[in-house]
Amino acid sequence: MSIPGQATLPLERSPFPDALSLIRATVLMFTEITCQRLAASRQAFRCGLPGLPFAVRLAPLVTGVSMVATVQSYSTGKNRASTAEGWDGVVRVSAGGFYGSGALLFDGHAVLTAAHVVAHAFGTQGGGASVHFETASGSQTVAVDRVLLHPGYDSNGNNDLALVWLAEAAPLAAERYDIYRDDDELLQGFVFAGYGVPGTGRNGMDESYDGDPVRQWGINRFDADPAILKQSLGPVMGWQPLMGSQLLADFDNGLQSQDALGRFLGIHERGYAEDEGNLTSGDSGGPAFLAGKVAGVASYGASLSAGAIAPDYDQVANNAGFGEMAAWQRVSFYQQWIDQSLRAQYQDAPDTAASVVRHVTEGHDGASLAYFLLEFTGVRSDPQQWLSVDYCSRDGSAVAGEDYLAVSGRLVLYPGENKAVIPVEILGDALPEADETFYLDVFNPVGGSFGAGVLTLSAMRTIVDDDGWLLASS
């Protein structure tokens, strides 16, 4: 099908890979029943799923140039996001007969994904949804306890974020990811991962694929803000992105003709050769990483043309081929909502110095949370000022990875906030041992100070063994 206009594509997929007829029925419903004509002169349309005016479906990684040139496919394993290689916190989120992707966040209890992955299945309750982990320790599916959609989620693909809380702590072998907080993402190369349908840039998604979902990775570059592209193209784009809230990348094959954002906006970049990737159905909600932190959440794909500019390699809209584009929700734009939503769900977190628990019981298995409370006692020069500190855990007699999970990151106090907690997961075991200690160092204050000459603040926690000591009889 040749589409001279534009189309957007949400990227969830049926979680039943053997039910090929169901998958095909979903595709037909999406492309033929719920598409709404937006600009007849350009044959542009926008598509949605039942119950969603605009469900932005995306597609997973479609490996790039060398794979196309050599007619390689996912079966080569080149782009496989294997266990024990840093991908084990990239998860599959299933809800309401579809699945998408997501990323386990730094507290080990919440997953960040796209709102459209879960919005059509339920409101704020778990409703039978689940999160599937693939780690070096094996596979595990964990039930969902609750879900929070961003309150601004709309039919234009804006604010397409959701937080999913697990009914139990995540597997200890799964990576926990911090979020990217700086606003310098544009023109940076990033790596992303998800459970999208396999495919190639030349042939697009393999819609005949009926195997188990495969976690893959790819590389691309954040080229532009979709809102800037909207300003340039006007009605050719049938949706209105919120300025500053999304990041756009195109799927390059090294040729000028498929350099979509080079041709539309003059932002030229020819891609990452065989490592270049794009999103496909099933990738929605999956993370894009900068410096090992979640900088984007996969949201939608698009195929655009304007006059003589038609970069889509095969002119088949939204099959994730060369010349198409994909958008990620910009995590730095949403960090306040993410942080404050997570903080609101912490169980038994202290809110005063007197309520801080400095001796934490270890437990026999799994993980529990210890908290460090940071308070700002000064006065902001501007009520809207953000205050921040960086932090990092440090071993005492307790060893990271054996007794607790190491943490590092940045804590931000937003307008109206003067205190917040930093959670650390304590690892349970059944081994009798002495009580052990570890530390949290806080440094690099922005918007305040620790006092004259003070560069670092440190606090200690004691992990109290509850397994008892045994005395062998003679």
Protein backbone atom coordinates (compact mmCIF):
# COMPACT_ATOMS: atom_id res chain seq x y z
CA MET A 1 0.00 0.00 0.00
CA SER A 2 1.48 3.34 -1.00
CA ILE A 3 0.80 6.17 1.42
CA PRO A 4 1.94 9.57 0.21
CA GLY A 5 0.83 11.23 3.45
CA GLN A 6 1.64 10.21 7.00
CA ALA A 7 0.56 7.59 9.46
CA THR A 8 1.32 6.88 13.07
CA LEU A 9 1.73 3.43 14.50
CA PRO A 10 1.36 2.31 18.13
CA LEU A 11 3.68 -0.51 19.03
CA GLU A 12 2.08 -3.12 21.21
CA ARG A 13 1.43 -6.61 20.01
CA SER A 14 -0.71 -9.59 20.90
CA PRO A 15 1.08 -11.56 23.63
CA PHE A 16 0.04 -14.83 22.02
CA PRO A 17 2.70 -15.47 19.35
CA ASP A 18 1.02 -18.70 18.29
CA ALA A 19 -2.30 -16.94 17.63
CA LEU A 20 -1.28 -15.62 14.23
CA SER A 21 -4.87 -15.13 13.15
CA LEU A 22 -5.44 -12.87 16.16
CA ILE A 23 -2.36 -10.85 15.30
CA ARG A 24 -3.46 -10.42 11.72
CA ALA A 25 -6.96 -9.49 12.79
CA THR A 26 -5.51 -6.79 15.00
CA VAL A 27 -3.45 -5.44 12.12
CA LEU A 28 -6.47 -5.35 9.85
CA MET A 29 -8.58 -3.66 12.47
CA PHE A 30 -5.85 -1.10 12.97
CA THR A 31 -5.17 -0.30 9.35
CA GLU A 32 -8.61 -0.59 7.81
CA ILE A 33 -11.29 -0.06 10.44
CA THR A 34 -10.14 2.57 12.91
CA CYS A 35 -8.10 4.82 10.64
CA GLN A 36 -9.51 8.33 10.43
CA ARG A 37 -8.82 10.51 7.43
CA LEU A 38 -7.23 13.79 8.49
CA ALA A 39 -6.09 15.51 5.31
CA ALA A 40 -7.67 14.18 2.15
CA SER A 41 -5.43 16.19 -0.13
CA ARG A 42 -2.42 14.31 1.19
CA GLN A 43 -4.18 11.09 2.09
CA ALA A 44 -2.82 11.48 5.60
CA PHE A 45 -4.41 9.48 8.35
CA ARG A 46 -4.09 8.65 11.98
CA CYS A 47 -4.90 5.26 13.42
CA GLY A 48 -6.21 4.09 16.76
CA LEU A 49 -7.19 0.94 18.58
CA PRO A 50 -10.66 0.15 19.86
CA GLY A 51 -11.19 2.17 23.01
CA LEU A 52 -8.33 4.54 22.21
CA PRO A 53 -8.81 7.57 19.96
CA PHE A 54 -5.11 7.48 19.15
CA ALA A 55 -3.16 4.46 20.31
CA VAL A 56 0.34 5.15 19.16
CA ARG A 57 1.77 1.77 18.28
CA LEU A 58 5.42 1.38 17.60
CA ALA A 59 7.71 -1.26 16.28
CA PRO A 60 10.84 -2.93 17.69
CA LEU A 61 14.35 -2.80 16.49
CA VAL A 62 14.76 -3.46 12.84
CA THR A 63 18.42 -4.04 12.24
CA GLY A 64 20.12 -1.85 9.73
CA VAL A 65 22.28 -1.59 6.69
CA SER A 66 24.58 -4.58 6.78
CA MET A 67 21.76 -6.85 7.81
CA VAL A 68 19.82 -5.59 4.80
CA ALA A 69 22.79 -5.74 2.47
CA THR A 70 23.54 -9.30 3.46
CA VAL A 71 19.87 -10.25 3.86
CA GLN A 72 20.51 -11.20 7.48
CA SER A 73 17.64 -11.43 9.96
CA TYR A 74 16.99 -11.62 13.67
CA SER A 75 17.94 -15.30 13.45
CA THR A 76 21.63 -14.32 13.21
CA GLY A 77 21.44 -13.21 16.84
CA LYS A 78 23.49 -10.08 16.15
CA ASN A 79 21.01 -7.73 17.78
CA ARG A 80 19.81 -10.11 20.47
CA ALA A 81 19.65 -8.41 23.87
CA SER A 82 20.91 -11.43 25.76
CA THR A 83 20.82 -12.00 29.49
CA ALA A 84 23.72 -10.95 31.71
CA GLU A 85 24.70 -8.19 29.26
CA GLY A 86 22.94 -5.24 30.89
CA TRP A 87 19.49 -5.81 29.35
CA ASP A 88 17.88 -7.83 32.13
CA GLY A 89 15.84 -4.88 33.38
CA VAL A 90 14.19 -4.48 29.96
CA VAL A 91 10.90 -6.29 30.43
CA ARG A 92 7.77 -7.39 28.59
CA VAL A 93 4.55 -5.84 29.89
CA SER A 94 1.35 -7.78 29.12
CA ALA A 95 -2.13 -6.34 29.57
CA GLY A 96 -5.54 -6.88 28.04
CA GLY A 97 -4.45 -9.27 25.30
CA PHE A 98 -1.49 -7.19 24.10
CA TYR A 99 2.10 -6.73 25.13
CA GLY A 100 4.64 -3.97 25.04
CA SER A 101 8.01 -3.33 26.66
CA GLY A 102 9.25 -1.43 29.69
CA ALA A 103 12.19 -0.72 31.99
CA LEU A 104 12.60 -1.61 35.66
CA LEU A 105 13.38 1.54 37.61
CA PHE A 106 15.94 2.14 40.33
CA ASP A 107 13.81 1.13 43.32
CA GLY A 108 13.24 -2.40 42.00
CA HIS A 109 9.47 -2.18 42.43
CA ALA A 110 8.21 -0.06 39.52
CA VAL A 111 8.38 -0.34 35.72
CA LEU A 112 8.26 2.64 33.36
CA THR A 113 6.33 2.00 30.14
CA ALA A 114 4.01 3.74 27.65
CA ALA A 115 0.47 4.63 28.72
CA HIS A 116 -1.06 3.15 25.57
CA VAL A 117 0.38 -0.27 26.43
CA VAL A 118 -1.86 -0.53 29.49
CA ALA A 119 -4.55 2.15 29.12
CA HIS A 120 -7.02 0.07 27.12
CA ALA A 121 -6.88 -2.86 29.54
CA PHE A 122 -7.67 -1.20 32.85
CA GLY A 123 -7.60 2.04 34.73
CA THR A 124 -5.52 2.29 37.89
CA GLN A 125 -5.76 -1.32 39.13
CA GLY A 126 -3.54 -4.25 38.19
CA GLY A 127 -6.39 -6.08 36.42
CA GLY A 128 -4.50 -9.24 35.48
CA ALA A 129 -1.54 -7.47 33.91
CA SER A 130 1.92 -8.92 34.33
CA VAL A 131 5.59 -8.15 33.78
CA HIS A 132 7.91 -10.80 32.34
CA PHE A 133 11.61 -10.82 33.18
CA GLU A 134 14.40 -12.60 31.33
CA THR A 135 17.56 -12.62 33.42
CA ALA A 136 20.72 -14.63 33.86
CA SER A 137 18.91 -16.44 36.67
CA GLY A 138 16.05 -17.51 34.41
CA SER A 139 12.63 -16.23 33.38
CA GLN A 140 9.99 -15.02 35.79
CA THR A 141 6.57 -13.42 35.43
CA VAL A 142 5.46 -11.05 38.18
CA ALA A 143 1.90 -9.85 38.69
CA VAL A 144 1.08 -6.14 38.57
CA ASP A 145 -0.25 -4.53 41.73
CA ARG A 146 -1.22 -1.10 40.42
CA VAL A 147 -0.84 1.21 37.44
CA LEU A 148 -0.64 4.98 37.12
CA LEU A 149 -1.18 6.71 33.77
CA HIS A 150 0.19 10.19 33.26
CA PRO A 151 -2.81 12.48 33.83
CA GLY A 152 -2.10 14.38 30.62
CA TYR A 153 -2.10 11.34 28.31
CA ASP A 154 -4.07 12.32 25.21
CA SER A 155 -5.05 11.32 21.67
CA ASN A 156 -2.06 13.14 20.15
CA GLY A 157 0.45 10.73 21.64
CA ASN A 158 1.40 13.28 24.29
CA ASN A 159 2.30 12.33 27.86
CA ASP A 160 2.32 8.68 26.78
CA LEU A 161 3.79 7.35 30.03
CA ALA A 162 2.69 4.93 32.73
CA LEU A 163 4.18 3.54 35.91
CA VAL A 164 3.47 -0.10 36.72
CA TRP A 165 4.10 -1.34 40.27
CA LEU A 166 4.94 -4.98 40.83
CA ALA A 167 3.09 -7.09 43.36
CA GLU A 168 6.51 -8.22 44.69
CA ALA A 169 10.09 -7.10 44.35
CA ALA A 170 11.67 -7.70 40.96
CA PRO A 171 14.14 -10.57 40.46
CA LEU A 172 17.46 -9.64 41.98
CA ALA A 173 19.27 -10.47 38.73
CA ALA A 174 17.32 -7.80 36.83
CA GLU A 175 19.11 -4.50 36.27
CA ARG A 176 17.59 -1.44 37.90
CA TYR A 177 17.85 1.71 35.75
CA ASP A 178 18.06 5.33 36.79
CA ILE A 179 16.43 7.99 34.62
CA TYR A 180 18.30 10.50 32.47
CA ARG A 181 17.83 13.98 33.92
CA ASP A 182 19.79 16.37 31.67
CA ASP A 183 18.16 18.12 28.71
CA ASP A 184 21.00 17.58 26.22
CA GLU A 185 19.58 14.50 24.43
CA LEU A 186 19.29 16.01 20.95
CA LEU A 187 21.99 14.94 18.49
CA GLN A 188 23.19 12.22 20.83
CA GLY A 189 23.40 8.60 19.77
CA PHE A 190 21.44 6.21 21.97
CA VAL A 191 20.87 2.50 22.34
CA PHE A 192 17.39 1.07 22.81
CA ALA A 193 15.81 -2.31 23.42
CA GLY A 194 12.43 -4.00 23.36
CA TYR A 195 10.34 -7.00 22.44
CA GLY A 196 9.13 -5.79 19.05
CA VAL A 197 8.45 -7.95 16.03
CA PRO A 198 11.69 -8.80 14.19
CA GLY A 199 12.34 -7.20 10.81
CA THR A 200 14.83 -5.42 8.59
CA GLY A 201 15.07 -1.93 7.20
CA ARG A 202 14.64 -3.13 3.65
CA ASN A 203 11.72 -5.48 4.21
CA GLY A 204 10.09 -3.94 7.27
CA MET A 205 8.42 -5.90 10.05
CA ASP A 206 8.11 -9.63 9.56
CA GLU A 207 4.36 -9.87 10.08
CA SER A 208 4.52 -13.61 9.50
CA TYR A 209 6.67 -14.05 12.60
CA ASP A 210 4.85 -16.31 15.08
CA GLY A 211 7.65 -17.28 17.46
CA ASP A 212 8.20 -16.20 21.03
CA PRO A 213 8.86 -12.48 21.59
CA VAL A 214 12.55 -11.71 21.18
CA ARG A 215 14.34 -8.96 23.07
CA GLN A 216 16.60 -7.03 20.70
CA TRP A 217 18.68 -3.86 20.71
CA GLY A 218 19.51 -1.17 18.19
CA ILE A 219 21.27 2.18 17.92
CA ASN A 220 19.98 5.48 16.59
CA ARG A 221 20.29 9.21 17.25
CA PHE A 222 17.82 11.69 18.70
CA ASP A 223 17.65 14.10 15.79
CA ALA A 224 14.77 16.45 16.55
CA ASP A 225 11.78 17.45 18.61
CA PRO A 226 8.60 16.28 16.79
CA ALA A 227 6.98 19.63 17.68
CA ILE A 228 9.61 21.39 15.55
CA LEU A 229 8.85 19.04 12.69
CA LYS A 230 5.16 19.90 13.09
CA GLN A 231 5.98 23.59 12.82
CA SER A 232 7.82 22.90 9.58
CA LEU A 233 5.34 20.51 7.95
CA GLY A 234 2.06 21.85 9.31
CA PRO A 235 -1.01 19.78 8.29
CA VAL A 236 1.15 17.06 6.72
CA MET A 237 1.49 15.87 10.31
CA GLY A 238 -1.92 14.90 11.62
CA TRP A 239 -1.03 15.20 15.30
CA GLN A 240 0.31 17.96 17.56
CA PRO A 241 3.26 16.95 19.75
CA LEU A 242 3.78 18.83 23.00
CA MET A 243 6.85 21.03 22.65
CA GLY A 244 9.91 19.67 24.42
CA SER A 245 8.28 16.41 25.53
CA GLN A 246 9.34 13.97 22.80
CA LEU A 247 12.46 12.90 20.90
CA LEU A 248 12.45 11.86 17.24
CA ALA A 249 14.81 9.61 15.29
CA ASP A 250 14.76 8.39 11.69
CA PHE A 251 15.80 4.99 10.32
CA ASP A 252 18.79 5.61 8.06
CA ASN A 253 20.40 3.31 5.52
CA GLY A 254 23.34 5.57 4.65
CA LEU A 255 21.61 7.15 1.64
CA GLN A 256 20.43 10.72 1.40
CA SER A 257 17.12 9.59 -0.05
CA GLN A 258 16.15 7.81 3.21
CA ASP A 259 17.54 10.49 5.56
CA ALA A 260 14.06 11.66 6.55
CA LEU A 261 14.94 14.37 9.06
CA GLY A 262 17.82 15.50 6.89
CA ARG A 263 15.39 16.10 4.06
CA PHE A 264 12.59 17.58 6.17
CA LEU A 265 14.60 19.69 8.63
CA GLY A 266 18.17 19.80 7.31
CA ILE A 267 19.37 17.68 10.25
CA HIS A 268 21.60 15.34 8.30
CA GLU A 269 22.89 12.06 9.64
CA ARG A 270 23.28 8.80 7.73
CA GLY A 271 22.96 6.32 10.58
CA TYR A 272 25.02 3.68 12.35
CA ALA A 273 25.46 1.16 9.53
CA GLU A 274 24.65 -2.38 10.66
CA ASP A 275 23.78 -1.22 14.19
CA GLU A 276 21.06 1.22 13.11
CA GLY A 277 17.60 0.28 14.37
CA ASN A 278 13.97 1.33 14.46
CA LEU A 279 10.88 0.50 16.51
CA THR A 280 8.29 -2.14 15.61
CA SER A 281 5.06 -3.47 17.11
CA GLY A 282 5.80 -4.72 20.63
CA ASP A 283 8.50 -2.11 21.36
CA SER A 284 6.07 0.42 22.83
CA GLY A 285 7.16 1.41 26.31
CA GLY A 286 10.69 0.13 25.80
CA PRO A 287 13.66 2.22 26.99
CA ALA A 288 16.17 4.31 25.08
CA PHE A 289 19.41 4.68 27.01
CA LEU A 290 21.93 7.49 27.30
CA ALA A 291 24.88 6.87 29.61
CA GLY A 292 23.13 3.75 30.88
CA LYS A 293 20.06 5.70 32.02
CA VAL A 294 16.52 5.71 30.61
CA ALA A 295 16.28 8.81 28.42
CA GLY A 296 13.26 7.86 26.30
CA VAL A 297 10.17 5.65 26.33
CA ALA A 298 9.14 4.23 22.95
CA SER A 299 5.83 5.75 21.94
CA TYR A 300 4.97 5.77 18.21
CA GLY A 301 6.24 5.48 14.67
CA ALA A 302 5.47 7.55 11.59
CA SER A 303 5.88 7.55 7.82
CA LEU A 304 5.81 11.05 6.31
CA SER A 305 5.94 12.60 2.89
CA ALA A 306 5.57 16.17 1.71
CA GLY A 307 5.48 17.01 -1.96
CA ALA A 308 8.50 15.49 -3.67
CA ILE A 309 10.04 14.48 -0.34
CA ALA A 310 9.10 10.86 0.30
CA PRO A 311 11.90 9.16 2.28
CA ASP A 312 10.00 5.95 3.13
CA TYR A 313 12.07 3.25 1.42
CA ASP A 314 9.19 1.07 0.24
CA GLN A 315 6.31 3.58 0.60
CA VAL A 316 4.53 1.11 2.89
CA ALA A 317 3.49 3.19 5.88
CA ASN A 318 4.49 2.07 9.35
CA ASN A 319 6.19 -1.19 8.56
CA ALA A 320 9.33 0.16 10.29
CA GLY A 321 11.43 0.24 7.12
CA PHE A 322 14.19 2.63 6.14
CA GLY A 323 13.10 6.26 5.90
CA GLU A 324 10.46 5.97 8.60
CA MET A 325 10.67 7.67 11.98
CA ALA A 326 9.97 6.83 15.60
CA ALA A 327 9.32 8.95 18.69
CA TRP A 328 10.20 8.45 22.33
CA GLN A 329 8.69 10.29 25.28
CA ARG A 330 11.44 12.47 26.73
CA VAL A 331 12.10 11.22 30.25
CA SER A 332 13.96 14.34 31.44
CA PHE A 333 10.82 16.37 30.65
CA TYR A 334 8.78 14.09 32.90
CA GLN A 335 11.23 13.46 35.74
CA GLN A 336 9.19 15.38 38.31
CA TRP A 337 6.07 13.29 37.63
CA ILE A 338 8.11 10.07 37.71
CA ASP A 339 9.97 10.91 40.93
CA GLN A 340 6.98 12.19 42.86
CA SER A 341 4.79 9.31 41.73
CA LEU A 342 7.39 6.81 42.94
CA ARG A 343 7.87 8.60 46.27
CA ALA A 344 4.12 8.57 46.91
CA GLN A 345 4.14 4.75 46.80
CA TYR A 346 7.10 4.03 49.08
CA GLN A 347 5.92 1.93 52.02
CA ASP A 348 6.86 3.10 55.53
CA ALA A 349 9.21 5.78 54.22
CA PRO A 350 10.33 8.23 56.93
CA ASP A 351 9.25 11.86 56.71
CA THR A 352 11.12 13.20 59.75
CA ALA A 353 14.59 12.65 61.13
CA ALA A 354 13.04 11.01 64.18
CA SER A 355 11.27 8.40 62.05
CA VAL A 356 14.38 7.27 60.16
CA VAL A 357 15.15 3.59 60.74
CA ARG A 358 18.92 3.16 60.98
CA HIS A 359 18.93 -0.55 61.78
CA VAL A 360 17.19 -2.58 59.06
CA THR A 361 16.25 -6.24 59.45
CA GLU A 362 17.77 -8.35 56.71
CA GLY A 363 14.96 -10.85 56.03
CA HIS A 364 15.31 -14.40 54.77
CA ASP A 365 14.92 -13.92 51.00
CA GLY A 366 14.03 -11.38 48.34
CA ALA A 367 14.59 -7.68 48.96
CA SER A 368 13.23 -5.01 51.28
CA LEU A 369 13.83 -1.28 51.29
CA ALA A 370 15.98 0.83 53.56
CA TYR A 371 15.58 4.59 53.28
CA PHE A 372 17.88 7.59 53.58
CA LEU A 373 16.09 10.88 54.20
CA LEU A 374 17.47 14.11 52.75
CA GLU A 375 16.12 17.43 54.05
CA PHE A 376 16.71 21.00 52.87
CA THR A 377 16.58 23.46 55.74
CA GLY A 378 17.39 26.65 53.85
CA VAL A 379 15.25 29.06 51.84
CA ARG A 380 15.02 28.91 48.05
CA SER A 381 16.01 32.09 46.23
CA ASP A 382 13.16 31.31 43.83
CA PRO A 383 10.10 29.26 44.92
CA GLN A 384 10.24 27.42 41.58
CA GLN A 385 13.88 26.46 41.97
CA TRP A 386 14.89 22.79 41.72
CA LEU A 387 17.42 21.62 44.28
CA SER A 388 19.54 18.53 43.74
CA VAL A 389 22.32 16.36 45.10
CA ASP A 390 24.16 13.39 43.67
CA TYR A 391 24.47 10.24 45.74
CA CYS A 392 26.29 6.91 45.77
CA SER A 393 26.28 3.94 48.12
CA ARG A 394 29.51 2.64 49.62
CA ASP A 395 30.45 -0.65 51.24
CA GLY A 396 31.25 -0.92 54.91
CA SER A 397 31.28 -4.43 56.23
CA ALA A 398 28.24 -5.07 53.99
CA VAL A 399 29.09 -5.85 50.36
CA ALA A 400 27.10 -4.52 47.40
CA GLY A 401 25.54 -7.35 45.41
CA GLU A 402 25.63 -9.70 48.41
CA ASP A 403 24.00 -7.74 51.23
CA TYR A 404 22.41 -4.81 49.40
CA LEU A 405 22.08 -3.46 45.87
CA ALA A 406 24.37 -0.54 45.06
CA VAL A 407 22.71 2.74 44.09
CA SER A 408 23.89 5.96 42.53
CA GLY A 409 22.06 8.86 40.95
CA ARG A 410 20.64 12.30 41.54
CA LEU A 411 17.92 13.29 43.98
CA VAL A 412 15.88 16.34 43.02
CA LEU A 413 13.71 18.38 45.37
CA TYR A 414 11.02 20.03 43.30
CA PRO A 415 9.13 23.25 44.06
CA GLY A 416 7.16 22.76 47.27
CA GLU A 417 9.43 19.91 48.42
CA ASN A 418 12.03 20.21 51.17
CA LYS A 419 12.71 16.53 51.79
CA ALA A 420 12.69 13.20 50.01
CA VAL A 421 14.00 9.69 50.52
CA ILE A 422 16.54 7.58 48.65
CA PRO A 423 15.61 3.86 48.72
CA VAL A 424 18.17 1.05 48.84
CA GLU A 425 17.25 -2.62 48.45
CA ILE A 426 18.45 -4.91 51.25
CA LEU A 427 19.02 -8.52 50.22
CA GLY A 428 17.67 -11.25 52.45
CA ASP A 429 19.31 -14.59 53.10
CA ALA A 430 19.18 -17.47 55.57
CA LEU A 431 22.86 -17.44 56.55
CA PRO A 432 23.77 -16.65 60.16
CA GLU A 433 26.22 -13.76 60.10
CA ALA A 434 27.21 -10.66 62.01
CA ASP A 435 25.34 -7.41 61.57
CA GLU A 436 26.81 -5.39 58.69
CA THR A 437 26.96 -1.75 57.68
CA PHE A 438 27.00 0.30 54.48
CA TYR A 439 26.95 4.01 53.68
CA LEU A 440 25.32 6.55 51.43
CA ASP A 441 27.43 9.52 50.36
CA VAL A 442 25.68 12.70 49.17
CA PHE A 443 27.64 15.32 47.24
CA ASN A 444 27.53 17.99 44.52
CA PRO A 445 24.66 20.09 45.91
CA VAL A 446 22.94 22.40 43.43
CA GLY A 447 20.79 25.24 44.76
CA GLY A 448 22.11 24.92 48.32
CA SER A 449 25.21 23.93 50.27
CA PHE A 450 26.27 21.57 53.03
CA GLY A 451 28.02 24.33 54.95
CA ALA A 452 31.41 25.96 54.70
CA GLY A 453 34.10 23.53 53.61
CA VAL A 454 31.78 20.49 53.59
CA LEU A 455 31.85 18.60 50.30
CA THR A 456 30.16 15.31 51.20
CA LEU A 457 27.52 14.14 53.65
CA SER A 458 27.49 10.50 54.70
CA ALA A 459 24.97 8.34 56.53
CA MET A 460 25.23 4.73 57.68
CA ARG A 461 22.74 1.91 57.84
CA THR A 462 23.13 -1.32 59.77
CA ILE A 463 21.73 -4.52 58.30
CA VAL A 464 20.58 -6.58 61.26
CA ASP A 465 20.92 -10.31 60.75
CA ASP A 466 17.79 -12.18 61.84
CA ASP A 467 18.98 -15.72 61.15
CA GLY A 468 20.56 -16.34 64.56
CA TRP A 469 23.90 -17.81 65.55
CA LEU A 470 24.36 -21.55 65.84
CA LEU A 471 26.75 -23.24 68.26
CA ALA A 472 27.68 -26.73 67.15
CA SER A 473 27.63 -29.27 69.94
CA SER A 474 30.86 -31.14 70.65
